[in-house]
Protein backbone atom coordinates (compact mmCIF):
# COMPACT_ATOMS: atom_id res chain seq x y z
CA MET A 1 3.25 88.55 29.71
CA SER A 2 3.45 87.14 33.22
CA ALA A 3 1.41 84.15 31.76
CA ALA A 4 3.71 83.52 29.00
CA GLN A 5 6.98 83.59 31.83
CA THR A 6 4.73 80.75 33.53
CA LEU A 7 4.19 78.63 30.87
CA ASP A 8 7.61 79.31 29.25
CA ASP A 9 6.28 77.91 26.01
CA ALA A 10 7.58 78.67 22.55
CA ALA A 11 4.05 78.58 21.15
CA VAL A 12 2.94 81.05 23.77
CA TRP A 13 5.84 82.99 23.29
CA GLU A 14 5.46 83.16 19.23
CA LYS A 15 1.48 84.05 19.73
CA LEU A 16 2.53 86.90 22.50
CA SER A 17 5.15 88.25 20.07
CA GLN A 18 2.39 88.33 17.12
CA ILE A 19 -0.15 90.11 19.45
CA ALA A 20 2.29 92.70 21.00
CA LEU A 21 3.65 93.60 17.56
CA GLN A 22 0.08 94.46 16.21
CA GLN A 23 -0.62 96.67 19.12
CA GLY A 24 2.61 98.47 18.72
CA ASN A 25 4.56 97.02 21.80
CA HIS A 26 7.93 96.18 20.56
CA GLN A 27 9.59 96.04 24.21
CA VAL A 28 7.57 92.82 24.74
CA VAL A 29 8.11 91.47 21.45
CA GLU A 30 11.68 91.98 21.94
CA ILE A 31 11.55 90.08 25.05
CA ALA A 32 9.32 87.15 23.17
CA TYR A 33 11.80 86.92 20.44
CA GLN A 34 14.78 86.64 23.02
CA ARG A 35 12.92 83.67 24.78
CA THR A 36 12.11 82.03 21.65
CA LYS A 37 15.76 82.63 20.30
CA ASN A 38 14.17 83.81 16.92
CA PHE A 39 17.44 86.06 15.99
CA GLU A 40 16.37 86.78 12.47
CA LYS A 41 13.28 88.59 13.76
CA LEU A 42 14.82 90.38 16.57
CA SER A 43 17.58 91.84 14.11
CA PHE A 44 15.01 93.03 12.03
CA LEU A 45 12.63 94.71 14.99
CA TYR A 46 16.49 96.31 15.97
CA LEU A 47 16.70 97.73 12.60
CA ILE A 48 13.13 99.40 12.34
CA THR A 49 13.32 100.57 15.86
CA GLY A 50 16.74 102.13 15.10
CA ASN A 51 18.47 100.45 18.00
CA MET A 52 22.10 100.25 16.25
CA GLU A 53 23.96 99.14 19.38
CA LYS A 54 21.44 96.00 19.61
CA LEU A 55 22.00 95.42 15.99
CA ARG A 56 25.52 95.28 16.36
CA LYS A 57 25.51 92.99 19.41
CA MET A 58 23.17 90.82 17.01
CA GLN A 59 25.81 90.56 14.57
CA LYS A 60 28.74 89.18 16.79
CA ILE A 61 25.94 87.17 18.30
CA ALA A 62 25.29 85.53 14.54
CA GLU A 63 29.02 85.26 14.17
CA HIS A 64 29.79 83.33 17.41
CA ARG A 65 26.73 81.27 16.51
CA GLY A 66 28.38 80.20 13.62
CA ASP A 67 25.30 81.44 11.62
CA THR A 68 26.93 82.74 8.54
CA ASN A 69 23.16 83.75 6.66
CA SER A 70 22.20 85.85 10.02
CA HIS A 71 25.79 87.29 10.30
CA TYR A 72 25.84 88.63 6.52
CA GLN A 73 22.31 89.92 7.01
CA ASN A 74 23.45 92.02 10.13
CA THR A 75 26.43 93.42 7.97
CA LEU A 76 23.89 94.40 5.48
CA TYR A 77 21.69 96.03 8.32
CA THR A 78 24.32 97.81 10.10
CA GLY A 79 26.67 98.60 6.99
CA ASP A 80 29.49 97.00 8.14
CA VAL A 81 31.67 96.51 4.99
CA ALA A 82 34.86 95.27 6.11
CA GLU A 83 33.10 92.47 8.00
CA ARG A 84 30.50 91.87 5.12
CA VAL A 85 34.35 91.06 3.16
CA LYS A 86 35.40 89.13 5.86
CA VAL A 87 32.37 86.50 5.91
CA LEU A 88 32.25 86.61 1.99
CA LYS A 89 35.62 85.30 1.96
CA SER A 90 35.06 83.03 5.03
CA VAL A 91 32.51 80.91 2.60
CA GLY A 92 34.86 81.01 -0.48
CA GLN A 93 33.06 83.88 -2.31
CA ARG A 94 36.18 85.56 -3.08
CA GLY A 95 34.88 87.32 -6.17
CA LEU A 96 31.98 88.72 -4.22
CA ALA A 97 34.28 89.90 -1.33
CA TYR A 98 36.63 91.33 -4.26
CA LEU A 99 33.65 93.41 -5.72
CA CYS A 100 32.47 94.51 -2.38
CA ALA A 101 35.70 95.75 -1.15
CA LYS A 102 36.46 97.32 -4.42
CA THR A 103 33.25 99.55 -5.00
CA HIS A 104 33.29 100.38 -1.28
CA GLY A 105 36.77 101.66 -2.03
CA MET A 106 38.70 99.28 0.13
CA GLU A 107 41.73 99.21 -2.10
CA GLU A 108 44.00 97.33 0.00
CA GLU A 109 41.68 94.45 0.88
CA ALA A 110 40.36 94.41 -2.82
CA GLU A 111 44.09 93.94 -4.08
CA ALA A 112 44.78 90.92 -1.36
CA ILE A 113 41.71 89.54 -2.40
CA ALA A 114 42.84 89.35 -6.23
CA GLY A 115 45.99 88.22 -5.52
CA SER A 116 44.61 85.09 -4.19
CA LEU A 117 42.06 84.25 -7.01
CA PRO A 118 43.58 83.38 -10.68
CA PRO A 119 43.46 86.13 -13.14
CA GLU A 120 40.76 85.08 -15.05
CA GLN A 121 38.20 84.71 -11.61
CA ILE A 122 38.84 88.39 -10.90
CA PRO A 123 35.44 90.09 -11.56
CA GLN A 124 35.51 92.95 -13.47
CA VAL A 125 33.68 96.24 -11.41
CA PRO A 126 31.13 97.89 -13.71
CA GLU A 127 31.55 101.59 -14.24
CA ASN A 128 28.32 102.35 -12.67
CA ALA A 129 28.79 100.47 -9.51
CA LYS A 130 27.30 102.14 -6.69
CA LEU A 131 27.56 101.73 -2.98
CA LEU A 132 25.04 99.80 -1.05
CA LYS A 133 24.61 101.62 2.33
CA PRO A 134 21.61 101.28 4.29
CA GLY A 135 19.85 104.62 5.78
CA VAL A 136 21.10 105.95 9.07
CA PRO A 137 18.35 105.76 11.44
CA ILE A 138 16.73 109.15 12.17
CA MET A 139 15.72 108.52 15.79
CA LYS A 140 16.01 105.56 17.91
CA SER A 141 12.10 104.30 19.31
CA ASP A 142 12.69 103.38 22.97
CA GLU A 143 8.90 103.76 23.43
CA ASN A 144 6.31 101.59 22.53
CA TRP A 145 4.14 102.58 19.21
CA PRO A 146 1.29 104.84 19.65
CA LEU A 147 -1.88 103.09 18.84
CA LEU A 148 -4.82 105.06 16.75
CA THR A 149 -8.26 104.84 17.89
CA VAL A 150 -9.98 103.42 14.63
CA SER A 151 -13.95 102.83 14.42
CA LYS A 152 -14.86 100.03 12.47
CA TYR A 153 -17.28 100.57 9.40
CA ILE A 154 -19.07 98.30 7.23
CA ARG A 155 -20.50 98.90 3.56
CA GLN A 156 -24.09 97.95 3.07
CA GLY A 157 -25.81 99.40 -0.01
CA SER A 158 -23.93 102.50 -1.29
CA ARG A 159 -23.64 103.76 2.30
CA TRP A 160 -20.73 103.48 4.95
CA ARG A 161 -22.61 102.79 8.66
CA ASP A 162 -20.79 102.53 11.79
CA ASN A 163 -20.45 98.97 13.02
CA LYS A 164 -21.98 99.70 16.28
CA ARG A 165 -25.02 101.20 14.64
CA SER A 166 -25.45 98.29 12.40
CA ARG A 167 -25.53 95.44 14.88
CA ARG A 168 -28.96 94.28 16.08
């Protein structure tokens, strides 16, 4: 990591993030993603490690950067329906915003959106519509992921042999 800091090159940080991820060192991966400004991967890392506080910060960063796609993606990750409706309205997707609000029980918001749409453009909510909510993290993973020692085997003929013993 000190070499990457000294070189401070995006390609070096990217390679470091790949290797650290393979080794389960998500703390180094987080630093590398931050240095390369790889916000999408950083958001997903926070999602899989259960770090909802940082994920909410990523949502605000995406909004501040004006990155609508990332902002919307983060609202899906965090389950922030009100913000999701706001994003959909801001990009002119009032029909989707209406469906999202109506399906999630935001009746006042749905009615306000419906009032801004011509009657023929108000979508019908299917009776079998279901809420889309992300799972709640069971535990937040602050520690790096544990590594398992795995010995490599090669198959020769019909038997498996330890790779160390098969080398000559």
